Amino acid sequence: MIYINSRTIAEAWQDALKALYAQGKVVENNEIFRDSVMAIEVNDTTSELFDDRFPMSKQDVETINHYLVTGEREDKVIHDWTKIYRKRLFDSAPNQIQNIIEYLRKKPTGKRAQASIWQQAVDLTGTIAPCLQLLWFQIDDGKLDIHVHMRASDCYGKLLMNMNEFVALQQYMANELQVESGKYYHFIDTCHFNSSDKEKIESLVAELK
Protein backbone atom coordinates (compact mmCIF):
# COMPACT_ATOMS: atom_id res chain seq x y z
CA MET A 1 0.00 0.00 0.00
CA ILE A 2 1.14 3.53 -0.77
CA TYR A 3 0.61 6.19 1.90
CA ILE A 4 0.62 9.88 0.99
CA ASN A 5 0.70 12.73 3.53
CA SER A 6 0.55 16.13 1.85
CA ARG A 7 -0.16 19.70 2.82
CA THR A 8 -2.70 20.52 0.08
CA ILE A 9 -4.95 18.75 -2.40
CA ALA A 10 -2.78 19.80 -5.36
CA GLU A 11 0.36 18.51 -3.64
CA ALA A 12 -1.41 15.25 -2.80
CA TRP A 13 -2.17 14.68 -6.49
CA GLN A 14 1.44 15.37 -7.45
CA ASP A 15 2.77 13.11 -4.68
CA ALA A 16 0.35 10.34 -5.66
CA LEU A 17 1.49 10.48 -9.29
CA LYS A 18 5.16 10.18 -8.35
CA ALA A 19 4.60 7.46 -5.74
CA LEU A 20 2.36 5.32 -7.93
CA TYR A 21 4.82 5.48 -10.81
CA ALA A 22 7.76 4.59 -8.56
CA GLN A 23 6.13 2.10 -6.18
CA GLY A 24 3.00 0.79 -7.88
CA LYS A 25 2.73 -2.77 -9.06
CA VAL A 26 3.78 -3.10 -12.70
CA VAL A 27 0.84 -4.43 -14.70
CA GLU A 28 1.23 -5.59 -18.27
CA ASN A 29 -2.09 -5.37 -20.09
CA ASN A 30 -3.91 -3.00 -22.43
CA GLU A 31 -5.88 -1.31 -19.64
CA ILE A 32 -3.49 -0.23 -16.88
CA PHE A 33 0.27 -0.21 -16.30
CA ARG A 34 0.58 0.66 -12.58
CA ASP A 35 -1.70 -0.26 -9.68
CA SER A 36 -1.72 0.01 -5.89
CA VAL A 37 -3.88 0.38 -2.83
CA MET A 38 -3.46 3.99 -1.71
CA ALA A 39 -4.24 6.09 1.36
CA ILE A 40 -3.97 9.88 1.18
CA GLU A 41 -4.02 12.36 4.07
CA VAL A 42 -4.34 16.10 3.41
CA ASN A 43 -3.99 18.71 6.14
CA ASP A 44 -5.05 21.94 4.37
CA THR A 45 -8.27 21.79 2.35
CA THR A 46 -8.65 25.52 1.77
CA SER A 47 -5.72 26.40 -0.52
CA GLU A 48 -3.98 25.04 -3.63
CA LEU A 49 -6.85 22.87 -4.77
CA PHE A 50 -5.96 22.73 -8.47
CA ASP A 51 -2.98 22.09 -10.74
CA ASP A 52 -3.05 23.40 -14.31
CA ARG A 53 -1.31 20.22 -15.49
CA PHE A 54 -4.36 18.16 -14.60
CA PRO A 55 -6.02 16.90 -17.83
CA MET A 56 -9.35 18.56 -17.09
CA SER A 57 -10.00 22.29 -17.05
CA LYS A 58 -10.40 24.17 -13.79
CA GLN A 59 -13.77 25.40 -15.02
CA ASP A 60 -15.00 21.84 -15.60
CA VAL A 61 -13.82 20.80 -12.12
CA GLU A 62 -15.51 23.80 -10.50
CA THR A 63 -18.73 22.99 -12.37
CA ILE A 64 -18.56 19.44 -10.99
CA ASN A 65 -17.93 20.75 -7.47
CA HIS A 66 -20.88 23.13 -7.71
CA TYR A 67 -23.19 20.46 -9.08
CA LEU A 68 -22.36 17.89 -6.40
CA VAL A 69 -23.29 20.36 -3.66
CA THR A 70 -26.23 22.17 -5.28
CA GLY A 71 -27.56 19.93 -8.05
CA GLU A 72 -27.36 22.88 -10.46
CA ARG A 73 -26.08 22.93 -14.08
CA GLU A 74 -26.21 19.15 -14.51
CA ASP A 75 -26.10 19.61 -18.28
CA LYS A 76 -22.60 21.13 -17.94
CA VAL A 77 -21.18 18.24 -15.88
CA ILE A 78 -18.80 16.11 -17.96
CA HIS A 79 -18.31 13.39 -15.33
CA ASP A 80 -21.27 10.97 -15.31
CA TRP A 81 -20.14 9.29 -12.09
CA THR A 82 -20.64 12.57 -10.19
CA LYS A 83 -24.25 12.55 -11.34
CA ILE A 84 -24.65 9.17 -9.64
CA TYR A 85 -23.05 10.54 -6.46
CA ARG A 86 -25.36 13.56 -6.38
CA LYS A 87 -28.50 11.53 -6.88
CA ARG A 88 -27.64 8.87 -4.30
CA LEU A 89 -26.35 11.32 -1.70
CA PHE A 90 -28.93 14.10 -1.99
CA ASP A 91 -31.82 13.29 -4.30
CA SER A 92 -32.87 9.87 -3.05
CA ALA A 93 -35.04 9.24 -0.01
CA PRO A 94 -33.60 9.68 2.52
CA ASN A 95 -31.30 12.61 1.77
CA GLN A 96 -28.14 11.07 3.21
CA ILE A 97 -26.16 14.31 3.49
CA GLN A 98 -28.91 16.22 5.29
CA ASN A 99 -29.39 13.27 7.65
CA ILE A 100 -25.68 13.33 8.51
CA ILE A 101 -25.77 17.08 9.15
CA GLU A 102 -28.73 16.67 11.51
CA TYR A 103 -27.07 13.71 13.20
CA LEU A 104 -23.85 15.62 13.87
CA ARG A 105 -25.78 18.66 15.12
CA LYS A 106 -27.36 16.45 17.75
CA LYS A 107 -24.31 14.31 18.43
CA PRO A 108 -21.05 16.02 17.37
CA THR A 109 -18.99 13.11 18.72
CA GLY A 110 -21.04 10.48 16.88
CA LYS A 111 -19.37 7.75 14.85
CA ARG A 112 -22.27 6.88 12.54
CA ALA A 113 -22.06 9.82 10.12
CA GLN A 114 -21.76 7.66 7.04
CA ALA A 115 -23.27 7.83 3.56
CA SER A 116 -23.23 4.70 1.37
CA ILE A 117 -23.26 4.73 -2.44
CA TRP A 118 -22.99 1.17 -3.77
CA GLN A 119 -26.19 -0.56 -4.92
CA GLN A 120 -25.18 -4.09 -5.83
CA ALA A 121 -28.34 -4.96 -7.74
CA VAL A 122 -27.58 -2.10 -10.15
CA ASP A 123 -23.84 -1.57 -9.96
CA LEU A 124 -22.35 -5.06 -10.12
CA THR A 125 -23.25 -5.44 -13.80
CA GLY A 126 -24.30 -1.90 -14.81
CA THR A 127 -22.89 0.09 -17.74
CA ILE A 128 -20.99 2.32 -15.32
CA ALA A 129 -20.53 1.83 -11.60
CA PRO A 130 -19.69 4.42 -8.95
CA CYS A 131 -16.06 4.49 -7.89
CA LEU A 132 -17.04 6.20 -4.64
CA GLN A 133 -18.25 3.66 -2.08
CA LEU A 134 -18.88 5.62 1.09
CA LEU A 135 -18.25 8.88 2.89
CA TRP A 136 -17.64 9.11 6.63
CA PHE A 137 -17.55 12.32 8.65
CA GLN A 138 -16.27 13.25 12.10
CA ILE A 139 -16.02 16.49 14.07
CA ASP A 140 -12.60 16.53 15.70
CA ASP A 141 -11.27 19.52 17.66
CA GLY A 142 -14.09 21.66 16.31
CA LYS A 143 -13.35 20.81 12.66
CA LEU A 144 -15.15 18.51 10.23
CA ASP A 145 -12.95 15.71 8.88
CA ILE A 146 -14.00 13.65 5.86
CA HIS A 147 -13.03 10.07 4.97
CA VAL A 148 -13.57 9.17 1.31
CA HIS A 149 -13.55 5.46 0.39
CA MET A 150 -13.26 4.54 -3.30
CA ARG A 151 -13.03 1.18 -5.03
CA ALA A 152 -11.03 2.60 -7.94
CA SER A 153 -9.39 5.80 -9.16
CA ASP A 154 -7.57 6.90 -12.30
CA CYS A 155 -4.65 8.62 -10.60
CA TYR A 156 -3.79 10.79 -13.59
CA GLY A 157 -7.16 11.65 -15.06
CA LYS A 158 -9.63 11.61 -12.17
CA LEU A 159 -7.99 11.72 -8.72
CA LEU A 160 -7.56 15.50 -8.44
CA MET A 161 -11.12 16.07 -9.64
CA ASN A 162 -12.46 13.58 -7.09
CA MET A 163 -10.58 15.20 -4.24
CA ASN A 164 -11.87 18.61 -5.30
CA GLU A 165 -15.51 17.57 -5.43
CA PHE A 166 -15.42 15.88 -2.04
CA VAL A 167 -13.57 18.82 -0.47
CA ALA A 168 -16.38 21.03 -1.83
CA LEU A 169 -18.88 18.74 -0.09
CA GLN A 170 -16.81 18.80 3.12
CA GLN A 171 -16.75 22.61 3.08
CA TYR A 172 -20.48 22.80 2.45
CA MET A 173 -21.24 20.50 5.37
CA ALA A 174 -18.78 22.28 7.67
CA ASN A 175 -20.56 25.55 6.90
CA GLU A 176 -23.95 23.97 7.64
CA LEU A 177 -22.58 22.69 10.95
CA GLN A 178 -20.91 26.04 11.71
CA VAL A 179 -17.47 24.47 12.16
CA GLU A 180 -14.23 24.72 10.22
CA SER A 181 -13.25 22.28 7.50
CA GLY A 182 -10.70 19.83 8.87
CA LYS A 183 -8.57 17.04 7.47
CA TYR A 184 -9.22 15.10 4.30
CA TYR A 185 -8.60 11.34 4.05
CA HIS A 186 -8.88 9.42 0.76
CA PHE A 187 -8.71 5.61 0.57
CA ILE A 188 -8.52 3.81 -2.79
CA ASP A 189 -8.64 0.03 -3.35
CA THR A 190 -7.12 0.26 -6.82
CA CYS A 191 -5.35 3.49 -7.69
CA HIS A 192 -3.98 3.04 -11.19
CA PHE A 193 -2.59 4.56 -14.37
CA ASN A 194 -4.40 3.87 -17.63
CA SER A 195 -2.21 2.49 -20.42
CA SER A 196 -3.69 4.98 -22.89
CA ASP A 197 -2.15 7.83 -20.85
CA LYS A 198 1.30 6.30 -20.43
CA GLU A 199 3.30 8.83 -22.47
CA LYS A 200 1.59 11.82 -20.83
CA ILE A 201 2.10 10.34 -17.36
CA GLU A 202 5.78 9.60 -17.90
CA SER A 203 6.34 13.15 -19.16
CA LEU A 204 4.53 14.67 -16.18
CA VAL A 205 6.27 12.46 -13.61
CA ALA A 206 9.65 13.46 -15.08
CA GLU A 207 8.61 17.12 -14.77
CA LEU A 208 7.58 16.68 -11.14
CA LYS A 209 10.87 15.06 -10.00
C-alpha atoms as a PDB file:
ATOM      1  CA  MET A   1       0.000   0.000   0.000  1.00  0.00           C
ATOM      2  CA  ILE A   2       1.136   3.533  -0.772  1.00  0.00           C
ATOM      3  CA  TYR A   3       0.615   6.190   1.896  1.00  0.00           C
ATOM      4  CA  ILE A   4       0.620   9.882   0.991  1.00  0.00           C
ATOM      5  CA  ASN A   5       0.704  12.731   3.529  1.00  0.00           C
ATOM      6  CA  SER A   6       0.548  16.130   1.854  1.00  0.00           C
ATOM      7  CA  ARG A   7      -0.164  19.705   2.822  1.00  0.00           C
ATOM      8  CA  THR A   8      -2.697  20.519   0.076  1.00  0.00           C
ATOM      9  CA  ILE A   9      -4.947  18.751  -2.402  1.00  0.00           C
ATOM     10  CA  ALA A  10      -2.779  19.796  -5.363  1.00  0.00           C
ATOM     11  CA  GLU A  11       0.362  18.509  -3.640  1.00  0.00           C
ATOM     12  CA  ALA A  12      -1.412  15.248  -2.801  1.00  0.00           C
ATOM     13  CA  TRP A  13      -2.167  14.677  -6.492  1.00  0.00           C
ATOM     14  CA  GLN A  14       1.437  15.371  -7.455  1.00  0.00           C
ATOM     15  CA  ASP A  15       2.766  13.112  -4.682  1.00  0.00           C
ATOM     16  CA  ALA A  16       0.350  10.341  -5.659  1.00  0.00           C
ATOM     17  CA  LEU A  17       1.488  10.476  -9.291  1.00  0.00           C
ATOM     18  CA  LYS A  18       5.160  10.181  -8.347  1.00  0.00           C
ATOM     19  CA  ALA A  19       4.597   7.457  -5.744  1.00  0.00           C
ATOM     20  CA  LEU A  20       2.364   5.319  -7.934  1.00  0.00           C
ATOM     21  CA  TYR A  21       4.816   5.483 -10.811  1.00  0.00           C
ATOM     22  CA  ALA A  22       7.765   4.589  -8.562  1.00  0.00           C
ATOM     23  CA  GLN A  23       6.133   2.104  -6.182  1.00  0.00           C
ATOM     24  CA  GLY A  24       3.004   0.788  -7.876  1.00  0.00           C
ATOM     25  CA  LYS A  25       2.727  -2.772  -9.060  1.00  0.00           C
ATOM     26  CA  VAL A  26       3.782  -3.098 -12.703  1.00  0.00           C
ATOM     27  CA  VAL A  27       0.843  -4.431 -14.698  1.00  0.00           C
ATOM     28  CA  GLU A  28       1.234  -5.591 -18.274  1.00  0.00           C
ATOM     29  CA  ASN A  29      -2.093  -5.366 -20.086  1.00  0.00           C
ATOM     30  CA  ASN A  30      -3.914  -2.999 -22.426  1.00  0.00           C
ATOM     31  CA  GLU A  31      -5.880  -1.310 -19.640  1.00  0.00           C
ATOM     32  CA  ILE A  32      -3.494  -0.228 -16.878  1.00  0.00           C
ATOM     33  CA  PHE A  33       0.269  -0.210 -16.302  1.00  0.00           C
ATOM     34  CA  ARG A  34       0.584   0.662 -12.585  1.00  0.00           C
ATOM     35  CA  ASP A  35      -1.697  -0.257  -9.680  1.00  0.00           C
ATOM     36  CA  SER A  36      -1.718   0.008  -5.886  1.00  0.00           C
ATOM     37  CA  VAL A  37      -3.877   0.380  -2.834  1.00  0.00           C
ATOM     38  CA  MET A  38      -3.458   3.991  -1.712  1.00  0.00           C
ATOM     39  CA  ALA A  39      -4.243   6.092   1.359  1.00  0.00           C
ATOM     40  CA  ILE A  40      -3.973   9.884   1.183  1.00  0.00           C
ATOM     41  CA  GLU A  41      -4.020  12.360   4.074  1.00  0.00           C
ATOM     42  CA  VAL A  42      -4.342  16.096   3.414  1.00  0.00           C
ATOM     43  CA  ASN A  43      -3.986  18.711   6.137  1.00  0.00           C
ATOM     44  CA  ASP A  44      -5.052  21.937   4.374  1.00  0.00           C
ATOM     45  CA  THR A  45      -8.274  21.787   2.348  1.00  0.00           C
ATOM     46  CA  THR A  46      -8.654  25.525   1.769  1.00  0.00           C
ATOM     47  CA  SER A  47      -5.721  26.402  -0.516  1.00  0.00           C
ATOM     48  CA  GLU A  48      -3.982  25.039  -3.634  1.00  0.00           C
ATOM     49  CA  LEU A  49      -6.848  22.874  -4.771  1.00  0.00           C
ATOM     50  CA  PHE A  50      -5.960  22.726  -8.468  1.00  0.00           C
ATOM     51  CA  ASP A  51      -2.985  22.089 -10.738  1.00  0.00           C
ATOM     52  CA  ASP A  52      -3.049  23.403 -14.313  1.00  0.00           C
ATOM     53  CA  ARG A  53      -1.308  20.223 -15.492  1.00  0.00           C
ATOM     54  CA  PHE A  54      -4.364  18.159 -14.602  1.00  0.00           C
ATOM     55  CA  PRO A  55      -6.016  16.902 -17.834  1.00  0.00           C
ATOM     56  CA  MET A  56      -9.354  18.559 -17.091  1.00  0.00           C
ATOM     57  CA  SER A  57      -9.998  22.287 -17.054  1.00  0.00           C
ATOM     58  CA  LYS A  58     -10.397  24.167 -13.793  1.00  0.00           C
ATOM     59  CA  GLN A  59     -13.766  25.398 -15.020  1.00  0.00           C
ATOM     60  CA  ASP A  60     -15.002  21.843 -15.598  1.00  0.00           C
ATOM     61  CA  VAL A  61     -13.816  20.798 -12.124  1.00  0.00           C
ATOM     62  CA  GLU A  62     -15.506  23.801 -10.502  1.00  0.00           C
ATOM     63  CA  THR A  63     -18.731  22.992 -12.365  1.00  0.00           C
ATOM     64  CA  ILE A  64     -18.558  19.441 -10.991  1.00  0.00           C
ATOM     65  CA  ASN A  65     -17.928  20.751  -7.474  1.00  0.00           C
ATOM     66  CA  HIS A  66     -20.880  23.131  -7.706  1.00  0.00           C
ATOM     67  CA  TYR A  67     -23.194  20.462  -9.083  1.00  0.00           C
ATOM     68  CA  LEU A  68     -22.358  17.893  -6.403  1.00  0.00           C
ATOM     69  CA  VAL A  69     -23.289  20.358  -3.657  1.00  0.00           C
ATOM     70  CA  THR A  70     -26.229  22.171  -5.283  1.00  0.00           C
ATOM     71  CA  GLY A  71     -27.556  19.934  -8.050  1.00  0.00           C
ATOM     72  CA  GLU A  72     -27.364  22.882 -10.458  1.00  0.00           C
ATOM     73  CA  ARG A  73     -26.084  22.929 -14.075  1.00  0.00           C
ATOM     74  CA  GLU A  74     -26.213  19.152 -14.511  1.00  0.00           C
ATOM     75  CA  ASP A  75     -26.097  19.606 -18.280  1.00  0.00           C
ATOM     76  CA  LYS A  76     -22.602  21.126 -17.937  1.00  0.00           C
ATOM     77  CA  VAL A  77     -21.182  18.241 -15.876  1.00  0.00           C
ATOM     78  CA  ILE A  78     -18.803  16.112 -17.963  1.00  0.00           C
ATOM     79  CA  HIS A  79     -18.311  13.389 -15.326  1.00  0.00           C
ATOM     80  CA  ASP A  80     -21.266  10.974 -15.310  1.00  0.00           C
ATOM     81  CA  TRP A  81     -20.135   9.292 -12.090  1.00  0.00           C
ATOM     82  CA  THR A  82     -20.641  12.566 -10.190  1.00  0.00           C
ATOM     83  CA  LYS A  83     -24.249  12.549 -11.340  1.00  0.00           C
ATOM     84  CA  ILE A  84     -24.650   9.175  -9.641  1.00  0.00           C
ATOM     85  CA  TYR A  85     -23.052  10.536  -6.455  1.00  0.00           C
ATOM     86  CA  ARG A  86     -25.355  13.556  -6.378  1.00  0.00           C
ATOM     87  CA  LYS A  87     -28.504  11.526  -6.882  1.00  0.00           C
ATOM     88  CA  ARG A  88     -27.636   8.875  -4.305  1.00  0.00           C
ATOM     89  CA  LEU A  89     -26.346  11.321  -1.699  1.00  0.00           C
ATOM     90  CA  PHE A  90     -28.934  14.105  -1.988  1.00  0.00           C
ATOM     91  CA  ASP A  91     -31.817  13.289  -4.301  1.00  0.00           C
ATOM     92  CA  SER A  92     -32.871   9.875  -3.048  1.00  0.00           C
ATOM     93  CA  ALA A  93     -35.038   9.240  -0.011  1.00  0.00           C
ATOM     94  CA  PRO A  94     -33.596   9.675   2.521  1.00  0.00           C
ATOM     95  CA  ASN A  95     -31.299  12.609   1.767  1.00  0.00           C
ATOM     96  CA  GLN A  96     -28.144  11.074   3.207  1.00  0.00           C
ATOM     97  CA  ILE A  97     -26.158  14.308   3.494  1.00  0.00           C
ATOM     98  CA  GLN A  98     -28.910  16.218   5.290  1.00  0.00           C
ATOM     99  CA  ASN A  99     -29.391  13.273   7.647  1.00  0.00           C
ATOM    100  CA  ILE A 100     -25.682  13.334   8.505  1.00  0.00           C
ATOM    101  CA  ILE A 101     -25.765  17.081   9.152  1.00  0.00           C
ATOM    102  CA  GLU A 102     -28.732  16.674  11.506  1.00  0.00           C
ATOM    103  CA  TYR A 103     -27.074  13.706  13.199  1.00  0.00           C
ATOM    104  CA  LEU A 104     -23.845  15.622  13.867  1.00  0.00           C
ATOM    105  CA  ARG A 105     -25.779  18.661  15.121  1.00  0.00           C
ATOM    106  CA  LYS A 106     -27.363  16.453  17.754  1.00  0.00           C
ATOM    107  CA  LYS A 107     -24.307  14.309  18.432  1.00  0.00           C
ATOM    108  CA  PRO A 108     -21.047  16.022  17.372  1.00  0.00           C
ATOM    109  CA  THR A 109     -18.987  13.106  18.718  1.00  0.00           C
ATOM    110  CA  GLY A 110     -21.036  10.482  16.884  1.00  0.00           C
ATOM    111  CA  LYS A 111     -19.367   7.749  14.848  1.00  0.00           C
ATOM    112  CA  ARG A 112     -22.270   6.878  12.536  1.00  0.00           C
ATOM    113  CA  ALA A 113     -22.062   9.823  10.124  1.00  0.00           C
ATOM    114  CA  GLN A 114     -21.759   7.657   7.035  1.00  0.00           C
ATOM    115  CA  ALA A 115     -23.274   7.831   3.556  1.00  0.00           C
ATOM    116  CA  SER A 116     -23.231   4.704   1.368  1.00  0.00           C
ATOM    117  CA  ILE A 117     -23.255   4.726  -2.436  1.00  0.00           C
ATOM    118  CA  TRP A 118     -22.986   1.170  -3.766  1.00  0.00           C
ATOM    119  CA  GLN A 119     -26.187  -0.559  -4.920  1.00  0.00           C
ATOM    120  CA  GLN A 120     -25.185  -4.087  -5.831  1.00  0.00           C
ATOM    121  CA  ALA A 121     -28.344  -4.956  -7.742  1.00  0.00           C
ATOM    122  CA  VAL A 122     -27.580  -2.098 -10.149  1.00  0.00           C
ATOM    123  CA  ASP A 123     -23.838  -1.572  -9.959  1.00  0.00           C
ATOM    124  CA  LEU A 124     -22.352  -5.059 -10.119  1.00  0.00           C
ATOM    125  CA  THR A 125     -23.249  -5.442 -13.804  1.00  0.00           C
ATOM    126  CA  GLY A 126     -24.296  -1.903 -14.806  1.00  0.00           C
ATOM    127  CA  THR A 127     -22.894   0.090 -17.737  1.00  0.00           C
ATOM    128  CA  ILE A 128     -20.991   2.324 -15.315  1.00  0.00           C
ATOM    129  CA  ALA A 129     -20.531   1.831 -11.601  1.00  0.00           C
ATOM    130  CA  PRO A 130     -19.689   4.423  -8.946  1.00  0.00           C
ATOM    131  CA  CYS A 131     -16.056   4.492  -7.893  1.00  0.00           C
ATOM    132  CA  LEU A 132     -17.043   6.196  -4.642  1.00  0.00           C
ATOM    133  CA  GLN A 133     -18.253   3.658  -2.080  1.00  0.00           C
ATOM    134  CA  LEU A 134     -18.885   5.617   1.091  1.00  0.00           C
ATOM    135  CA  LEU A 135     -18.249   8.884   2.891  1.00  0.00           C
ATOM    136  CA  TRP A 136     -17.636   9.109   6.630  1.00  0.00           C
ATOM    137  CA  PHE A 137     -17.549  12.321   8.651  1.00  0.00           C
ATOM    138  CA  GLN A 138     -16.271  13.252  12.097  1.00  0.00           C
ATOM    139  CA  ILE A 139     -16.022  16.487  14.067  1.00  0.00           C
ATOM    140  CA  ASP A 140     -12.598  16.528  15.695  1.00  0.00           C
ATOM    141  CA  ASP A 141     -11.270  19.519  17.660  1.00  0.00           C
ATOM    142  CA  GLY A 142     -14.086  21.655  16.308  1.00  0.00           C
ATOM    143  CA  LYS A 143     -13.349  20.806  12.662  1.00  0.00           C
ATOM    144  CA  LEU A 144     -15.155  18.506  10.226  1.00  0.00           C
ATOM    145  CA  ASP A 145     -12.952  15.709   8.879  1.00  0.00           C
ATOM    146  CA  ILE A 146     -14.000  13.649   5.861  1.00  0.00           C
ATOM    147  CA  HIS A 147     -13.030  10.075   4.973  1.00  0.00           C
ATOM    148  CA  VAL A 148     -13.574   9.168   1.314  1.00  0.00           C
ATOM    149  CA  HIS A 149     -13.548   5.456   0.391  1.00  0.00           C
ATOM    150  CA  MET A 150     -13.259   4.537  -3.297  1.00  0.00           C
ATOM    151  CA  ARG A 151     -13.027   1.175  -5.026  1.00  0.00           C
ATOM    152  CA  ALA A 152     -11.025   2.602  -7.944  1.00  0.00           C
ATOM    153  CA  SER A 153      -9.387   5.801  -9.159  1.00  0.00           C
ATOM    154  CA  ASP A 154      -7.571   6.897 -12.300  1.00  0.00           C
ATOM    155  CA  CYS A 155      -4.648   8.617 -10.601  1.00  0.00           C
ATOM    156  CA  TYR A 156      -3.785  10.791 -13.592  1.00  0.00           C
ATOM    157  CA  GLY A 157      -7.158  11.651 -15.064  1.00  0.00           C
ATOM    158  CA  LYS A 158      -9.630  11.609 -12.169  1.00  0.00           C
ATOM    159  CA  LEU A 159      -7.991  11.721  -8.717  1.00  0.00           C
ATOM    160  CA  LEU A 160      -7.557  15.500  -8.445  1.00  0.00           C
ATOM    161  CA  MET A 161     -11.120  16.071  -9.638  1.00  0.00           C
ATOM    162  CA  ASN A 162     -12.461  13.576  -7.088  1.00  0.00           C
ATOM    163  CA  MET A 163     -10.579  15.200  -4.238  1.00  0.00           C
ATOM    164  CA  ASN A 164     -11.870  18.610  -5.304  1.00  0.00           C
ATOM    165  CA  GLU A 165     -15.513  17.565  -5.430  1.00  0.00           C
ATOM    166  CA  PHE A 166     -15.420  15.879  -2.040  1.00  0.00           C
ATOM    167  CA  VAL A 167     -13.573  18.818  -0.474  1.00  0.00           C
ATOM    168  CA  ALA A 168     -16.378  21.028  -1.828  1.00  0.00           C
ATOM    169  CA  LEU A 169     -18.880  18.744  -0.086  1.00  0.00           C
ATOM    170  CA  GLN A 170     -16.811  18.802   3.116  1.00  0.00           C
ATOM    171  CA  GLN A 171     -16.746  22.609   3.085  1.00  0.00           C
ATOM    172  CA  TYR A 172     -20.482  22.804   2.447  1.00  0.00           C
ATOM    173  CA  MET A 173     -21.238  20.502   5.367  1.00  0.00           C
ATOM    174  CA  ALA A 174     -18.783  22.276   7.668  1.00  0.00           C
ATOM    175  CA  ASN A 175     -20.558  25.545   6.895  1.00  0.00           C
ATOM    176  CA  GLU A 176     -23.951  23.973   7.644  1.00  0.00           C
ATOM    177  CA  LEU A 177     -22.580  22.686  10.950  1.00  0.00           C
ATOM    178  CA  GLN A 178     -20.905  26.044  11.707  1.00  0.00           C
ATOM    179  CA  VAL A 179     -17.469  24.474  12.165  1.00  0.00           C
ATOM    180  CA  GLU A 180     -14.228  24.722  10.220  1.00  0.00           C
ATOM    181  CA  SER A 181     -13.251  22.285   7.496  1.00  0.00           C
ATOM    182  CA  GLY A 182     -10.699  19.826   8.868  1.00  0.00           C
ATOM    183  CA  LYS A 183      -8.570  17.042   7.472  1.00  0.00           C
ATOM    184  CA  TYR A 184      -9.223  15.101   4.297  1.00  0.00           C
ATOM    185  CA  TYR A 185      -8.595  11.340   4.045  1.00  0.00           C
ATOM    186  CA  HIS A 186      -8.884   9.419   0.761  1.00  0.00           C
ATOM    187  CA  PHE A 187      -8.710   5.607   0.573  1.00  0.00           C
ATOM    188  CA  ILE A 188      -8.517   3.810  -2.794  1.00  0.00           C
ATOM    189  CA  ASP A 189      -8.644   0.035  -3.352  1.00  0.00           C
ATOM    190  CA  THR A 190      -7.118   0.258  -6.823  1.00  0.00           C
ATOM    191  CA  CYS A 191      -5.350   3.492  -7.695  1.00  0.00           C
ATOM    192  CA  HIS A 192      -3.979   3.041 -11.194  1.00  0.00           C
ATOM    193  CA  PHE A 193      -2.590   4.559 -14.366  1.00  0.00           C
ATOM    194  CA  ASN A 194      -4.395   3.870 -17.632  1.00  0.00           C
ATOM    195  CA  SER A 195      -2.207   2.485 -20.420  1.00  0.00           C
ATOM    196  CA  SER A 196      -3.690   4.984 -22.891  1.00  0.00           C
ATOM    197  CA  ASP A 197      -2.155   7.832 -20.845  1.00  0.00           C
ATOM    198  CA  LYS A 198       1.303   6.300 -20.430  1.00  0.00           C
ATOM    199  CA  GLU A 199       3.303   8.828 -22.465  1.00  0.00           C
ATOM    200  CA  LYS A 200       1.594  11.819 -20.825  1.00  0.00           C
ATOM    201  CA  ILE A 201       2.096  10.343 -17.363  1.00  0.00           C
ATOM    202  CA  GLU A 202       5.780   9.603 -17.898  1.00  0.00           C
ATOM    203  CA  SER A 203       6.337  13.146 -19.158  1.00  0.00           C
ATOM    204  CA  LEU A 204       4.525  14.670 -16.180  1.00  0.00           C
ATOM    205  CA  VAL A 205       6.271  12.460 -13.614  1.00  0.00           C
ATOM    206  CA  ALA A 206       9.648  13.462 -15.082  1.00  0.00           C
ATOM    207  CA  GLU A 207       8.613  17.120 -14.772  1.00  0.00           C
ATOM    208  CA  LEU A 208       7.585  16.681 -11.137  1.00  0.00           C
ATOM    209  CA  LYS A 209      10.871  15.063 -10.004  1.00  0.00           C
END
